[in-house]
Amino acid sequence: MSATLTREPHRVGPLADRLNGILASRGIDPATAAVEEAHAEPVTALELADAHIPARYRQALADHPQVTAWADQIARAGRPGPGGPGISEGPSLLIAGPTGTGKTHQAYGAVRTLLARGVRLRWEATTTADLHARLRPRAGHDAERDLQSLARCPLLLLDDLGAAKTSEWTEELTYRLINHRYEHLLPTLITTNLPTAELRTTLGDRVASRLAEMTERVVLTGPDRRRHHPA
């Protein structure tokens, strides 16, 4: 869907005055030219999102049936609005499998699918290791505010859950994040290398129990794609 957003020209200062004078001398109304330029460059929600997606996943496509079915379900449940449906309450998705089976690719593909479907979407993505680094207490940084922002985000992509080194602090942090999203039915995309049996040992009973109830599970199999490039 083409969004109503456009790249509006930003002409301020002496250079802009000179440009406007040149346009006027040629019989071109600068205001009309600006409007035509704006309409000529529509900006889609997907284009805006791609600027925040890692380069490797900017063309990611979700092609696993369970992943595309989840995206369709979330899109259908979206709250109506003037700019398209907004993200609403819904199930979360846990994508599990060995390293290199395409979990992150499918997760970003699901986000891009929602945007392509016209869903107005505020979302964030982080790996578990980056999450811990971001929220580690340090002078001049409001870690609690960051945690609440992630916990309340309409859609969160939490990549490589369970891959980072754990401690009592990280277990409590993960519990607070997952529990808030569990209680408020906020859709969450989670990827993990851990087999289901190891989730409870690594993440703790409280987190594992909530994940079991709040997520639909997709298990990817196959060789490590990073090591076996197609011919």
Protein backbone atom coordinates (compact mmCIF):
# COMPACT_ATOMS: atom_id res chain seq x y z
CA MET A 1 0.00 0.00 0.00
CA SER A 2 1.33 3.46 -0.83
CA ALA A 3 1.23 5.53 2.31
CA THR A 4 -0.10 9.10 2.32
CA LEU A 5 3.31 10.25 3.48
CA THR A 6 5.42 12.09 0.90
CA ARG A 7 8.92 13.43 0.80
CA GLU A 8 8.13 17.13 1.19
CA PRO A 9 10.82 19.51 -0.09
CA HIS A 10 12.62 21.44 2.60
CA ARG A 11 13.63 24.77 1.09
CA VAL A 12 14.85 27.30 3.62
CA GLY A 13 17.47 30.03 3.45
CA PRO A 14 19.26 32.07 0.77
CA LEU A 15 19.83 29.09 -1.52
CA ALA A 16 16.14 28.29 -1.47
CA ASP A 17 15.28 31.93 -2.21
CA ARG A 18 17.63 31.88 -5.20
CA LEU A 19 16.10 28.63 -6.48
CA ASN A 20 12.61 30.03 -6.09
CA GLY A 21 13.68 33.15 -8.01
CA ILE A 22 14.99 31.01 -10.88
CA LEU A 23 11.72 29.06 -10.99
CA ALA A 24 9.71 32.31 -10.98
CA SER A 25 11.80 33.79 -13.83
CA ARG A 26 10.88 30.74 -15.90
CA GLY A 27 7.20 31.16 -15.18
CA ILE A 28 7.06 28.30 -12.70
CA ASP A 29 5.25 28.79 -9.41
CA PRO A 30 7.62 27.49 -6.67
CA ALA A 31 4.65 26.35 -4.57
CA THR A 32 3.19 24.36 -7.47
CA ALA A 33 6.59 22.82 -8.20
CA ALA A 34 6.90 21.74 -4.57
CA VAL A 35 3.49 20.07 -4.63
CA GLU A 36 4.29 18.25 -7.88
CA GLU A 37 7.62 17.09 -6.46
CA ALA A 38 5.94 15.79 -3.33
CA HIS A 39 3.34 13.83 -5.28
CA ALA A 40 6.02 12.39 -7.51
CA GLU A 41 7.79 10.67 -4.63
CA PRO A 42 5.31 8.67 -2.52
CA VAL A 43 6.82 6.95 0.48
CA THR A 44 5.47 3.56 1.48
CA ALA A 45 5.41 2.27 5.04
CA LEU A 46 7.63 -0.57 3.87
CA GLU A 47 10.24 1.88 2.55
CA LEU A 48 10.26 3.69 5.87
CA ALA A 49 10.67 0.43 7.78
CA ASP A 50 13.44 -0.86 5.52
CA ALA A 51 15.62 2.02 6.67
CA HIS A 52 15.59 0.44 10.15
CA ILE A 53 15.94 -3.18 9.08
CA PRO A 54 19.48 -4.62 8.92
CA ALA A 55 20.74 -4.57 5.32
CA ARG A 56 20.86 -8.37 5.11
CA TYR A 57 17.11 -8.64 5.79
CA ARG A 58 15.74 -5.69 3.79
CA GLN A 59 14.47 -8.03 1.09
CA ALA A 60 13.39 -10.78 3.50
CA LEU A 61 10.25 -12.64 2.52
CA ALA A 62 8.28 -14.84 4.89
CA ASP A 63 7.48 -18.01 2.95
CA HIS A 64 6.89 -20.56 5.71
CA PRO A 65 3.16 -21.38 5.82
CA GLN A 66 2.88 -20.97 9.59
CA VAL A 67 4.69 -17.63 9.52
CA THR A 68 2.55 -16.21 6.72
CA ALA A 69 -0.59 -17.53 8.43
CA TRP A 70 0.42 -15.72 11.63
CA ALA A 71 1.01 -12.46 9.72
CA ASP A 72 -2.38 -12.81 8.04
CA GLN A 73 -4.04 -13.36 11.40
CA ILE A 74 -2.41 -10.28 12.92
CA ALA A 75 -3.32 -8.16 9.88
CA ARG A 76 -6.97 -9.25 9.98
CA ALA A 77 -7.24 -8.46 13.69
CA GLY A 78 -5.84 -4.94 13.29
CA ARG A 79 -7.83 -2.01 14.64
CA PRO A 80 -9.37 0.10 11.83
CA GLY A 81 -7.98 3.58 11.26
CA PRO A 82 -7.82 6.32 8.60
CA GLY A 83 -4.37 5.20 7.43
CA GLY A 84 -5.11 1.49 7.50
CA PRO A 85 -5.51 -1.11 10.26
CA GLY A 86 -3.37 -0.69 13.36
CA ILE A 87 -1.69 -3.50 15.27
CA SER A 88 -3.99 -5.09 17.81
CA GLU A 89 -3.91 -7.78 20.46
CA GLY A 90 -2.99 -11.19 19.15
CA PRO A 91 -0.88 -14.31 19.45
CA SER A 92 2.90 -14.33 19.45
CA LEU A 93 5.13 -16.49 17.29
CA LEU A 94 8.14 -18.53 18.40
CA ILE A 95 10.44 -19.59 15.56
CA ALA A 96 12.86 -22.29 16.71
CA GLY A 97 15.56 -24.27 14.97
CA PRO A 98 19.29 -24.83 14.67
CA THR A 99 21.71 -22.07 13.68
CA GLY A 100 21.42 -20.94 10.06
CA THR A 101 17.96 -22.32 9.26
CA GLY A 102 16.49 -18.91 8.42
CA LYS A 103 14.72 -17.96 11.66
CA THR A 104 15.68 -14.28 11.61
CA HIS A 105 14.95 -14.09 7.88
CA GLN A 106 11.43 -15.41 8.45
CA ALA A 107 10.88 -13.03 11.39
CA TYR A 108 11.86 -9.91 9.47
CA GLY A 109 9.89 -11.26 6.53
CA ALA A 110 6.82 -11.40 8.77
CA VAL A 111 7.28 -7.74 9.76
CA ARG A 112 7.64 -6.76 6.10
CA THR A 113 4.52 -8.80 5.24
CA LEU A 114 2.47 -6.84 7.76
CA LEU A 115 3.73 -3.54 6.38
CA ALA A 116 3.04 -4.63 2.81
CA ARG A 117 -0.51 -5.51 3.91
CA GLY A 118 -0.98 -1.88 4.96
CA VAL A 119 -0.85 -2.41 8.72
CA ARG A 120 0.13 0.78 10.56
CA LEU A 121 2.88 -0.61 12.70
CA ARG A 122 5.19 0.67 15.41
CA TRP A 123 7.74 -2.05 16.04
CA GLU A 124 11.17 -2.67 17.49
CA ALA A 125 13.72 -5.42 17.02
CA THR A 126 16.64 -6.51 19.20
CA THR A 127 18.76 -9.56 19.89
CA THR A 128 18.84 -10.88 23.42
CA ALA A 129 22.52 -9.93 23.76
CA ASP A 130 21.82 -6.37 22.60
CA LEU A 131 18.82 -6.20 24.93
CA HIS A 132 21.00 -7.00 27.92
CA ALA A 133 23.64 -4.48 26.83
CA ARG A 134 21.00 -1.81 26.29
CA LEU A 135 19.38 -2.29 29.69
CA ARG A 136 22.51 -2.79 31.78
CA PRO A 137 22.51 -0.09 34.50
CA ARG A 138 24.94 2.75 33.88
CA ALA A 139 25.25 6.40 34.84
CA GLY A 140 23.02 8.79 32.94
CA HIS A 141 20.92 6.07 31.33
CA ASP A 142 17.29 5.31 32.19
CA ALA A 143 17.24 1.54 31.71
CA GLU A 144 13.75 1.25 33.21
CA ARG A 145 12.35 3.61 30.60
CA ASP A 146 13.96 1.55 27.83
CA LEU A 147 12.52 -1.66 29.27
CA GLN A 148 9.02 -0.19 29.42
CA SER A 149 9.32 1.05 25.83
CA LEU A 150 10.16 -2.45 24.61
CA ALA A 151 7.55 -4.09 26.82
CA ARG A 152 4.75 -1.83 25.53
CA CYS A 153 5.75 -1.71 21.87
CA PRO A 154 2.85 -2.93 19.67
CA LEU A 155 5.14 -5.46 17.97
CA LEU A 156 8.52 -6.67 19.24
CA LEU A 157 11.00 -8.90 17.44
CA LEU A 158 13.21 -10.61 20.04
CA ASP A 159 15.97 -12.45 18.20
CA ASP A 160 18.16 -15.28 19.58
CA LEU A 161 16.32 -15.71 22.85
CA GLY A 162 18.44 -17.79 25.23
CA ALA A 163 21.66 -17.33 23.24
CA ALA A 164 23.25 -14.79 25.61
CA LYS A 165 24.88 -15.66 28.91
CA THR A 166 22.29 -15.85 31.66
CA SER A 167 22.29 -14.68 35.27
CA GLU A 168 19.70 -13.85 37.91
CA TRP A 169 19.59 -10.32 36.51
CA THR A 170 19.03 -11.38 32.89
CA GLU A 171 16.43 -13.96 33.94
CA GLU A 172 14.48 -11.31 35.87
CA LEU A 173 14.79 -8.86 32.97
CA THR A 174 13.50 -11.40 30.46
CA TYR A 175 10.67 -12.36 32.79
CA ARG A 176 9.50 -8.74 33.17
CA LEU A 177 9.59 -8.16 29.42
CA ILE A 178 7.81 -11.40 28.48
CA ASN A 179 5.32 -11.18 31.33
CA HIS A 180 4.13 -7.69 30.34
CA ARG A 181 3.61 -8.77 26.75
CA TYR A 182 1.93 -11.99 27.93
CA GLU A 183 -0.51 -10.13 30.18
CA HIS A 184 -1.39 -7.51 27.56
CA LEU A 185 -1.60 -9.94 24.61
CA LEU A 186 0.98 -7.97 22.63
CA PRO A 187 2.21 -9.80 19.51
CA THR A 188 5.85 -10.80 19.83
CA LEU A 189 8.12 -12.46 17.27
CA ILE A 190 10.72 -14.62 19.02
CA THR A 191 13.53 -16.68 17.52
CA THR A 192 15.64 -19.19 19.42
CA ASN A 193 18.21 -21.89 18.77
CA LEU A 194 17.09 -23.77 21.88
CA PRO A 195 15.04 -26.95 21.62
CA THR A 196 11.78 -26.76 23.50
CA ALA A 197 13.11 -29.00 26.28
CA GLU A 198 15.97 -26.58 27.00
CA LEU A 199 13.90 -23.39 27.15
CA ARG A 200 12.78 -24.04 30.72
CA THR A 201 16.31 -24.80 31.93
CA THR A 202 17.83 -21.74 30.27
CA LEU A 203 15.07 -19.15 30.72
CA GLY A 204 13.47 -20.30 33.95
CA ASP A 205 10.07 -21.80 34.69
CA ARG A 206 8.18 -18.49 34.71
CA VAL A 207 9.32 -17.39 31.26
CA ALA A 208 9.01 -20.85 29.70
CA SER A 209 5.48 -21.28 31.04
CA ARG A 210 4.31 -17.98 29.57
CA LEU A 211 5.96 -18.68 26.23
CA ALA A 212 4.20 -22.04 26.07
CA GLU A 213 0.81 -20.34 26.40
CA MET A 214 1.33 -17.11 24.44
CA THR A 215 3.14 -18.39 21.33
CA GLU A 216 2.39 -20.43 18.28
CA ARG A 217 5.50 -22.48 17.43
CA VAL A 218 7.32 -22.95 14.18
CA VAL A 219 10.28 -25.33 13.98
CA LEU A 220 12.71 -24.86 11.10
CA THR A 221 15.07 -27.64 10.08
CA GLY A 222 17.88 -28.16 7.61
CA PRO A 223 21.59 -27.41 7.24
CA ASP A 224 23.26 -24.15 8.21
CA ARG A 225 22.56 -21.91 5.20
CA ARG A 226 25.49 -19.68 6.06
CA ARG A 227 27.85 -22.62 5.51
CA HIS A 228 26.05 -24.23 2.56
CA HIS A 229 25.58 -21.54 -0.06
CA PRO A 230 23.50 -22.55 -3.08
CA ALA A 231 25.45 -23.23 -6.24
